[in-house]
Amino acid sequence: MNNIIGVIFITLGLAFDLIGCLGLFRFPDVYNRLQASTKCVTFGTCNILFGTFLVLGFNAAGIKCLLALIFLLFSSPTSSHALARAAHKSGEKLCEGSVGNEYK
């Protein structure tokens, strides 16, 4: 039963990562691309790691998957915020369809 649920989580994670890759090509500016890639990497990769943990169980590799999941949950949003702030400070412009700029 854990294997089936684990495979479902892994498949869901792969779908999120695929959507994130498409967002990198389709979105117009760096801020939208950061938003798409951060959300999809966080949800997708965390689902893959959790599914791998369910398949492997409580052994050394499973615990490493959980530790990587926790590290990813903390580091991915923080790094994307730092990248967005650096892009804004370097003068990267928003796309024409953007509604607001909260940094100004």
N, C-alpha and C. Protein backbone atom coordinates (compact mmCIF):
# COMPACT_ATOMS: atom_id res chain seq x y z
N MET A 1 0.81 -1.19 0.00
CA MET A 1 0.00 0.00 0.00
C MET A 1 0.86 1.27 0.00
N ASN A 2 1.96 1.24 0.79
CA ASN A 2 2.87 2.40 0.81
C ASN A 2 3.51 2.63 -0.55
N ASN A 3 3.77 1.54 -1.28
CA ASN A 3 4.37 1.70 -2.60
C ASN A 3 3.44 2.42 -3.56
N ILE A 4 2.16 2.08 -3.51
CA ILE A 4 1.18 2.72 -4.41
C ILE A 4 1.04 4.19 -4.08
N ILE A 5 0.92 4.51 -2.80
CA ILE A 5 0.81 5.92 -2.39
C ILE A 5 2.09 6.67 -2.72
N GLY A 6 3.23 6.03 -2.54
CA GLY A 6 4.51 6.65 -2.88
C GLY A 6 4.62 6.95 -4.37
N VAL A 7 4.18 6.03 -5.20
CA VAL A 7 4.21 6.25 -6.64
C VAL A 7 3.26 7.38 -7.03
N ILE A 8 2.14 7.49 -6.35
CA ILE A 8 1.20 8.59 -6.62
C ILE A 8 1.85 9.93 -6.28
N PHE A 9 2.52 10.00 -5.14
CA PHE A 9 3.22 11.24 -4.77
C PHE A 9 4.33 11.57 -5.76
N ILE A 10 5.07 10.57 -6.19
CA ILE A 10 6.15 10.80 -7.15
C ILE A 10 5.59 11.29 -8.48
N THR A 11 4.50 10.69 -8.95
CA THR A 11 3.87 11.12 -10.19
C THR A 11 3.34 12.54 -10.08
N LEU A 12 2.72 12.87 -8.97
CA LEU A 12 2.23 14.23 -8.75
C LEU A 12 3.39 15.22 -8.72
N GLY A 13 4.49 14.85 -8.10
CA GLY A 13 5.67 15.71 -8.08
C GLY A 13 6.26 15.93 -9.45
N LEU A 14 6.30 14.88 -10.26
CA LEU A 14 6.80 15.03 -11.62
C LEU A 14 5.90 15.95 -12.44
N ALA A 15 4.59 15.86 -12.22
CA ALA A 15 3.66 16.74 -12.93
C ALA A 15 3.90 18.20 -12.53
N PHE A 16 4.08 18.47 -11.23
CA PHE A 16 4.37 19.83 -10.78
C PHE A 16 5.68 20.34 -11.39
N ASP A 17 6.70 19.51 -11.42
CA ASP A 17 7.98 19.93 -11.98
C ASP A 17 7.88 20.20 -13.48
N LEU A 18 7.09 19.41 -14.18
CA LEU A 18 6.88 19.64 -15.61
C LEU A 18 6.18 20.97 -15.84
N ILE A 19 5.17 21.27 -15.04
CA ILE A 19 4.47 22.55 -15.16
C ILE A 19 5.42 23.71 -14.85
N GLY A 20 6.29 23.53 -13.88
CA GLY A 20 7.28 24.56 -13.57
C GLY A 20 8.25 24.80 -14.72
N CYS A 21 8.65 23.74 -15.40
CA CYS A 21 9.53 23.90 -16.56
C CYS A 21 8.82 24.64 -17.69
N LEU A 22 7.55 24.36 -17.88
CA LEU A 22 6.79 25.09 -18.90
C LEU A 22 6.64 26.56 -18.53
N GLY A 23 6.49 26.84 -17.24
CA GLY A 23 6.38 28.23 -16.79
C GLY A 23 7.65 29.02 -17.02
N LEU A 24 8.80 28.35 -16.96
CA LEU A 24 10.06 29.03 -17.24
C LEU A 24 10.13 29.52 -18.69
N PHE A 25 9.53 28.79 -19.59
CA PHE A 25 9.55 29.19 -21.00
C PHE A 25 8.42 30.16 -21.35
N ARG A 26 7.30 30.05 -20.68
CA ARG A 26 6.12 30.80 -21.10
C ARG A 26 5.98 32.17 -20.45
N PHE A 27 6.45 32.37 -19.24
CA PHE A 27 6.22 33.63 -18.54
C PHE A 27 7.16 34.72 -19.04
N PRO A 28 6.69 35.98 -18.98
CA PRO A 28 7.40 37.06 -19.68
C PRO A 28 8.63 37.63 -18.97
N ASP A 29 8.64 37.70 -17.65
CA ASP A 29 9.77 38.36 -17.00
C ASP A 29 10.33 37.48 -15.88
N VAL A 30 11.42 37.96 -15.29
CA VAL A 30 12.15 37.17 -14.30
C VAL A 30 11.32 36.93 -13.04
N TYR A 31 10.47 37.87 -12.68
CA TYR A 31 9.68 37.73 -11.45
C TYR A 31 8.61 36.65 -11.59
N ASN A 32 7.93 36.63 -12.72
CA ASN A 32 6.95 35.57 -12.96
C ASN A 32 7.62 34.21 -13.08
N ARG A 33 8.78 34.17 -13.70
CA ARG A 33 9.50 32.91 -13.84
C ARG A 33 9.98 32.39 -12.48
N LEU A 34 10.42 33.31 -11.63
CA LEU A 34 10.83 32.90 -10.28
C LEU A 34 9.66 32.34 -9.50
N GLN A 35 8.51 32.99 -9.62
CA GLN A 35 7.33 32.53 -8.89
C GLN A 35 6.93 31.14 -9.35
N ALA A 36 6.90 30.93 -10.66
CA ALA A 36 6.51 29.62 -11.18
C ALA A 36 7.51 28.54 -10.80
N SER A 37 8.77 28.85 -10.95
CA SER A 37 9.77 27.81 -10.67
C SER A 37 9.86 27.50 -9.18
N THR A 38 9.70 28.50 -8.33
CA THR A 38 9.80 28.25 -6.89
C THR A 38 8.64 27.41 -6.38
N LYS A 39 7.44 27.77 -6.78
CA LYS A 39 6.29 26.99 -6.32
C LYS A 39 6.33 25.57 -6.84
N CYS A 40 6.65 25.41 -8.10
CA CYS A 40 6.65 24.07 -8.66
C CYS A 40 7.81 23.23 -8.16
N VAL A 41 8.96 23.84 -7.97
CA VAL A 41 10.08 23.07 -7.42
C VAL A 41 9.79 22.68 -5.98
N THR A 42 9.23 23.62 -5.21
CA THR A 42 8.93 23.29 -3.82
C THR A 42 7.90 22.18 -3.73
N PHE A 43 6.77 22.33 -4.40
CA PHE A 43 5.73 21.30 -4.33
C PHE A 43 6.16 20.02 -5.05
N GLY A 44 6.72 20.16 -6.24
CA GLY A 44 7.08 18.99 -7.02
C GLY A 44 8.18 18.16 -6.39
N THR A 45 9.27 18.81 -6.05
CA THR A 45 10.39 18.05 -5.50
C THR A 45 10.08 17.52 -4.11
N CYS A 46 9.31 18.28 -3.33
CA CYS A 46 8.91 17.76 -2.02
C CYS A 46 8.00 16.55 -2.15
N ASN A 47 7.11 16.56 -3.14
CA ASN A 47 6.28 15.37 -3.37
C ASN A 47 7.12 14.19 -3.82
N ILE A 48 8.11 14.42 -4.67
CA ILE A 48 8.98 13.33 -5.10
C ILE A 48 9.77 12.77 -3.91
N LEU A 49 10.30 13.65 -3.09
CA LEU A 49 11.06 13.18 -1.92
C LEU A 49 10.17 12.44 -0.93
N PHE A 50 8.95 12.94 -0.71
CA PHE A 50 8.05 12.25 0.22
C PHE A 50 7.60 10.91 -0.35
N GLY A 51 7.34 10.86 -1.64
CA GLY A 51 6.99 9.58 -2.27
C GLY A 51 8.12 8.58 -2.20
N THR A 52 9.34 9.06 -2.39
CA THR A 52 10.50 8.18 -2.27
C THR A 52 10.66 7.68 -0.84
N PHE A 53 10.39 8.55 0.12
CA PHE A 53 10.43 8.12 1.52
C PHE A 53 9.38 7.03 1.78
N LEU A 54 8.18 7.21 1.23
CA LEU A 54 7.14 6.19 1.45
C LEU A 54 7.52 4.86 0.82
N VAL A 55 8.17 4.90 -0.33
CA VAL A 55 8.57 3.66 -0.99
C VAL A 55 9.71 2.99 -0.23
N LEU A 56 10.69 3.80 0.22
CA LEU A 56 11.86 3.22 0.88
C LEU A 56 11.62 2.85 2.34
N GLY A 57 10.82 3.63 3.03
CA GLY A 57 10.56 3.36 4.44
C GLY A 57 11.58 4.04 5.35
N PHE A 58 11.59 3.62 6.61
CA PHE A 58 12.48 4.20 7.61
C PHE A 58 13.84 3.51 7.59
N ASN A 59 14.64 3.81 6.57
CA ASN A 59 16.03 3.39 6.55
C ASN A 59 16.89 4.62 6.29
N ALA A 60 18.16 4.43 6.03
CA ALA A 60 19.06 5.58 5.87
C ALA A 60 18.66 6.46 4.69
N ALA A 61 18.30 5.84 3.58
CA ALA A 61 17.92 6.62 2.39
C ALA A 61 16.60 7.34 2.62
N GLY A 62 15.66 6.73 3.30
CA GLY A 62 14.37 7.37 3.59
C GLY A 62 14.51 8.57 4.50
N ILE A 63 15.35 8.44 5.51
CA ILE A 63 15.59 9.56 6.42
C ILE A 63 16.30 10.71 5.68
N LYS A 64 17.20 10.37 4.77
CA LYS A 64 17.86 11.42 3.96
C LYS A 64 16.84 12.14 3.08
N CYS A 65 15.86 11.41 2.57
CA CYS A 65 14.80 12.06 1.78
C CYS A 65 14.01 13.04 2.64
N LEU A 66 13.69 12.66 3.86
CA LEU A 66 12.97 13.57 4.75
C LEU A 66 13.80 14.79 5.11
N LEU A 67 15.09 14.59 5.37
CA LEU A 67 15.96 15.73 5.68
C LEU A 67 16.10 16.67 4.49
N ALA A 68 16.22 16.11 3.28
CA ALA A 68 16.30 16.96 2.09
C ALA A 68 14.99 17.71 1.87
N LEU A 69 13.87 17.07 2.16
CA LEU A 69 12.56 17.72 2.05
C LEU A 69 12.47 18.92 2.99
N ILE A 70 12.89 18.75 4.22
CA ILE A 70 12.85 19.85 5.20
C ILE A 70 13.78 20.98 4.77
N PHE A 71 14.97 20.64 4.31
CA PHE A 71 15.90 21.66 3.85
C PHE A 71 15.34 22.42 2.66
N LEU A 72 14.70 21.72 1.75
CA LEU A 72 14.12 22.34 0.57
C LEU A 72 12.97 23.26 0.93
N LEU A 73 12.16 22.87 1.89
CA LEU A 73 11.04 23.73 2.32
C LEU A 73 11.51 25.05 2.91
N PHE A 74 12.67 25.05 3.55
CA PHE A 74 13.19 26.29 4.12
C PHE A 74 14.02 27.10 3.13
N SER A 75 14.78 26.43 2.28
CA SER A 75 15.73 27.16 1.45
C SER A 75 15.14 27.67 0.13
N SER A 76 14.18 27.00 -0.44
CA SER A 76 13.66 27.41 -1.75
C SER A 76 12.94 28.76 -1.71
N PRO A 77 12.00 29.00 -0.80
CA PRO A 77 11.38 30.32 -0.77
C PRO A 77 12.35 31.44 -0.40
N THR A 78 13.29 31.14 0.47
CA THR A 78 14.26 32.15 0.88
C THR A 78 15.17 32.53 -0.29
N SER A 79 15.63 31.55 -1.03
CA SER A 79 16.52 31.85 -2.15
C SER A 79 15.78 32.57 -3.27
N SER A 80 14.52 32.23 -3.51
CA SER A 80 13.78 32.93 -4.56
C SER A 80 13.50 34.37 -4.17
N HIS A 81 13.26 34.62 -2.89
CA HIS A 81 13.08 36.00 -2.44
C HIS A 81 14.37 36.79 -2.63
N ALA A 82 15.50 36.19 -2.31
CA ALA A 82 16.78 36.88 -2.49
C ALA A 82 17.05 37.15 -3.96
N LEU A 83 16.71 36.22 -4.85
CA LEU A 83 16.90 36.44 -6.27
C LEU A 83 15.99 37.54 -6.81
N ALA A 84 14.74 37.57 -6.35
CA ALA A 84 13.81 38.62 -6.79
C ALA A 84 14.26 39.98 -6.30
N ARG A 85 14.73 40.05 -5.09
CA ARG A 85 15.22 41.32 -4.55
C ARG A 85 16.46 41.80 -5.30
N ALA A 86 17.37 40.88 -5.61
CA ALA A 86 18.56 41.24 -6.37
C ALA A 86 18.20 41.69 -7.79
N ALA A 87 17.22 41.04 -8.40
CA ALA A 87 16.79 41.46 -9.74
C ALA A 87 16.18 42.85 -9.69
N HIS A 88 15.42 43.14 -8.64
CA HIS A 88 14.81 44.46 -8.52
C HIS A 88 15.87 45.53 -8.28
N LYS A 89 16.84 45.24 -7.43
CA LYS A 89 17.89 46.22 -7.15
C LYS A 89 18.80 46.45 -8.35
N SER A 90 18.93 45.46 -9.22
CA SER A 90 19.77 45.65 -10.40
C SER A 90 19.02 46.35 -11.53
N GLY A 91 17.73 46.63 -11.34
CA GLY A 91 16.98 47.40 -12.32
C GLY A 91 16.21 46.57 -13.33
N GLU A 92 15.97 45.32 -13.04
CA GLU A 92 15.19 44.47 -13.94
C GLU A 92 13.76 44.98 -13.99
N LYS A 93 13.24 45.22 -15.18
CA LYS A 93 11.90 45.78 -15.36
C LYS A 93 10.83 44.69 -15.30
N LEU A 94 9.64 45.09 -14.86
CA LEU A 94 8.48 44.21 -14.91
C LEU A 94 7.94 44.16 -16.33
N CYS A 95 7.14 43.15 -16.63
CA CYS A 95 6.52 43.10 -17.94
C CYS A 95 5.41 44.15 -18.02
N GLU A 96 4.95 44.43 -19.23
CA GLU A 96 3.96 45.49 -19.42
C GLU A 96 2.62 45.18 -18.75
N GLY A 97 2.26 43.93 -18.62
CA GLY A 97 0.97 43.56 -18.05
C GLY A 97 0.96 43.48 -16.54
N SER A 98 2.03 43.81 -15.86
CA SER A 98 2.09 43.72 -14.40
C SER A 98 1.19 44.77 -13.77
N VAL A 99 0.50 44.40 -12.72
CA VAL A 99 -0.46 45.29 -12.07
C VAL A 99 0.21 46.22 -11.09
N GLY A 100 1.10 45.71 -10.26
CA GLY A 100 1.69 46.56 -9.23
C GLY A 100 3.13 46.17 -8.92
N ASN A 101 3.81 47.10 -8.27
CA ASN A 101 5.18 46.86 -7.85
C ASN A 101 5.26 47.16 -6.35
N GLU A 102 5.29 46.14 -5.54
CA GLU A 102 5.27 46.31 -4.09
C GLU A 102 6.59 46.79 -3.53
N TYR A 103 7.68 46.65 -4.27
CA TYR A 103 8.97 47.10 -3.77
C TYR A 103 9.11 48.62 -3.83
N LYS A 104 8.39 49.29 -4.74
CA LYS A 104 8.54 50.73 -4.87
C LYS A 104 7.88 51.47 -3.76
